[in-house]
C-alpha atoms as a PDB file:
ATOM      1  CA  UNK A   1      -0.021   0.002   0.009  1.00  0.00           C
ATOM      2  CA  UNK A   2       1.381   3.387  -0.862  1.00  0.00           C
ATOM      3  CA  UNK A   3       1.895   6.191   1.604  1.00  0.00           C
ATOM      4  CA  UNK A   4      -1.037   8.249   0.314  1.00  0.00           C
ATOM      5  CA  UNK A   5      -3.482   5.439   0.818  1.00  0.00           C
ATOM      6  CA  UNK A   6      -2.218   4.851   4.408  1.00  0.00           C
ATOM      7  CA  UNK A   7      -2.570   8.560   5.158  1.00  0.00           C
ATOM      8  CA  UNK A   8      -6.215   8.517   3.903  1.00  0.00           C
ATOM      9  CA  UNK A   9      -7.001   5.475   6.035  1.00  0.00           C
ATOM     10  CA  UNK A  10      -5.441   7.041   9.174  1.00  0.00           C
ATOM     11  CA  UNK A  11      -7.409  10.229   8.643  1.00  0.00           C
ATOM     12  CA  UNK A  12     -10.689   8.411   8.008  1.00  0.00           C
ATOM     13  CA  UNK A  13     -10.298   6.343  11.165  1.00  0.00           C
ATOM     14  CA  UNK A  14      -9.447   9.445  13.196  1.00  0.00           C
ATOM     15  CA  UNK A  15     -12.546  11.224  11.840  1.00  0.00           C
ATOM     16  CA  UNK A  16     -14.792   8.191  12.585  1.00  0.00           C
ATOM     17  CA  UNK A  17     -13.448   7.815  16.125  1.00  0.00           C
ATOM     18  CA  UNK A  18     -13.954  11.560  16.779  1.00  0.00           C
ATOM     19  CA  UNK A  19     -17.531  11.427  15.517  1.00  0.00           C
ATOM     20  CA  UNK A  20     -18.389   8.451  17.751  1.00  0.00           C
ATOM     21  CA  UNK A  21     -16.765  10.148  20.702  1.00  0.00           C
ATOM     22  CA  UNK A  22     -18.661  13.381  20.062  1.00  0.00           C
ATOM     23  CA  UNK A  23     -21.961  11.483  19.854  1.00  0.00           C
ATOM     24  CA  UNK A  24     -21.102   9.687  23.047  1.00  0.00           C
ATOM     25  CA  UNK A  25     -20.444  13.005  24.786  1.00  0.00           C
ATOM     26  CA  UNK A  26     -23.721  14.358  23.525  1.00  0.00           C
ATOM     27  CA  UNK A  27     -25.712  11.494  25.116  1.00  0.00           C
ATOM     28  CA  UNK A  28     -24.477  12.507  28.578  1.00  0.00           C
ATOM     29  CA  UNK A  29     -24.562  16.309  28.235  1.00  0.00           C
ATOM     30  CA  UNK A  30     -25.677  17.869  31.446  1.00  0.00           C
ATOM     31  CA  UNK A  31     -25.312  14.717  33.495  1.00  0.00           C
ATOM     32  CA  UNK A  32     -22.576  15.152  36.056  1.00  0.00           C
ATOM     33  CA  UNK A  33     -23.189  12.301  38.401  1.00  0.00           C
ATOM     34  CA  UNK A  34     -22.852   9.402  35.994  1.00  0.00           C
ATOM     35  CA  UNK A  35     -19.575   7.594  36.371  1.00  0.00           C
ATOM     36  CA  UNK A  36     -20.102   5.352  33.359  1.00  0.00           C
ATOM     37  CA  UNK A  37     -20.011   8.014  30.645  1.00  0.00           C
ATOM     38  CA  UNK A  38     -16.751   8.264  28.762  1.00  0.00           C
ATOM     39  CA  UNK A  39     -15.653  11.850  28.086  1.00  0.00           C
ATOM     40  CA  UNK A  40     -11.897  11.718  27.831  1.00  0.00           C
ATOM     41  CA  UNK A  41      -9.214   9.655  26.159  1.00  0.00           C
ATOM     42  CA  UNK A  42      -7.955   8.536  29.548  1.00  0.00           C
ATOM     43  CA  UNK A  43     -11.347   7.088  30.459  1.00  0.00           C
ATOM     44  CA  UNK A  44     -11.464   5.265  27.078  1.00  0.00           C
ATOM     45  CA  UNK A  45      -8.133   3.691  27.896  1.00  0.00           C
ATOM     46  CA  UNK A  46      -9.197   2.720  31.389  1.00  0.00           C
ATOM     47  CA  UNK A  47     -12.548   1.432  30.173  1.00  0.00           C
ATOM     48  CA  UNK A  48     -11.146  -0.957  27.574  1.00  0.00           C
ATOM     49  CA  UNK A  49     -11.099  -4.656  28.233  1.00  0.00           C
ATOM     50  CA  UNK A  50      -7.447  -4.829  27.367  1.00  0.00           C
ATOM     51  CA  UNK A  51      -4.393  -2.907  28.495  1.00  0.00           C
ATOM     52  CA  UNK A  52      -4.581   0.200  26.238  1.00  0.00           C
ATOM     53  CA  UNK A  53      -2.374   3.223  26.959  1.00  0.00           C
ATOM     54  CA  UNK A  54      -3.728   6.714  26.875  1.00  0.00           C
ATOM     55  CA  UNK A  55      -1.007   7.581  24.274  1.00  0.00           C
ATOM     56  CA  UNK A  56      -2.251   4.810  22.001  1.00  0.00           C
ATOM     57  CA  UNK A  57      -5.813   6.215  22.217  1.00  0.00           C
ATOM     58  CA  UNK A  58      -4.678   9.739  21.667  1.00  0.00           C
ATOM     59  CA  UNK A  59      -2.551   8.822  18.591  1.00  0.00           C
ATOM     60  CA  UNK A  60      -5.557   6.905  17.104  1.00  0.00           C
ATOM     61  CA  UNK A  61      -7.786   9.907  17.559  1.00  0.00           C
ATOM     62  CA  UNK A  62      -5.195  12.230  16.090  1.00  0.00           C
ATOM     63  CA  UNK A  63      -4.379  10.027  13.168  1.00  0.00           C
ATOM     64  CA  UNK A  64      -0.670  10.235  13.785  1.00  0.00           C
ATOM     65  CA  UNK A  65       0.114   6.582  13.712  1.00  0.00           C
ATOM     66  CA  UNK A  66      -1.273   3.553  11.860  1.00  0.00           C
ATOM     67  CA  UNK A  67      -3.489   1.896  14.454  1.00  0.00           C
ATOM     68  CA  UNK A  68      -4.123  -1.847  14.336  1.00  0.00           C
ATOM     69  CA  UNK A  69      -7.730  -2.914  13.746  1.00  0.00           C
ATOM     70  CA  UNK A  70      -7.754  -4.600  17.134  1.00  0.00           C
ATOM     71  CA  UNK A  71      -6.912  -1.296  18.752  1.00  0.00           C
ATOM     72  CA  UNK A  72      -9.669   0.494  16.803  1.00  0.00           C
ATOM     73  CA  UNK A  73     -12.211  -2.151  17.834  1.00  0.00           C
ATOM     74  CA  UNK A  74     -11.141  -1.936  21.483  1.00  0.00           C
ATOM     75  CA  UNK A  75     -11.541   1.863  21.409  1.00  0.00           C
ATOM     76  CA  UNK A  76     -14.992   1.605  19.785  1.00  0.00           C
ATOM     77  CA  UNK A  77     -16.139  -0.966  22.332  1.00  0.00           C
ATOM     78  CA  UNK A  78     -14.858   1.048  25.269  1.00  0.00           C
ATOM     79  CA  UNK A  79     -16.770   4.098  24.076  1.00  0.00           C
ATOM     80  CA  UNK A  80     -19.901   2.073  24.257  1.00  0.00           C
ATOM     81  CA  UNK A  81     -20.603   1.093  20.627  1.00  0.00           C
ATOM     82  CA  UNK A  82     -20.430  -2.320  18.866  1.00  0.00           C
ATOM     83  CA  UNK A  83     -19.564  -3.224  15.330  1.00  0.00           C
ATOM     84  CA  UNK A  84     -22.953  -4.595  14.625  1.00  0.00           C
END
């Protein structure tokens, strides 16, 4: 795969993750006592079923590095969405 295609993929993944994160924040807008809502990259990393680092989550959302599909799936599931 050439570099341009990889860049497009990284950017598309970053945009999709940001949209999901924004929608998730919107669901809990105004609710301050809920401990389950995920509103930061650190909470996404802590909520994952695996050992994700905050830096890994941040780089996936920024589109700086090429994230593995398993990492993207873990991030999506820790936000509260499924792939179905």
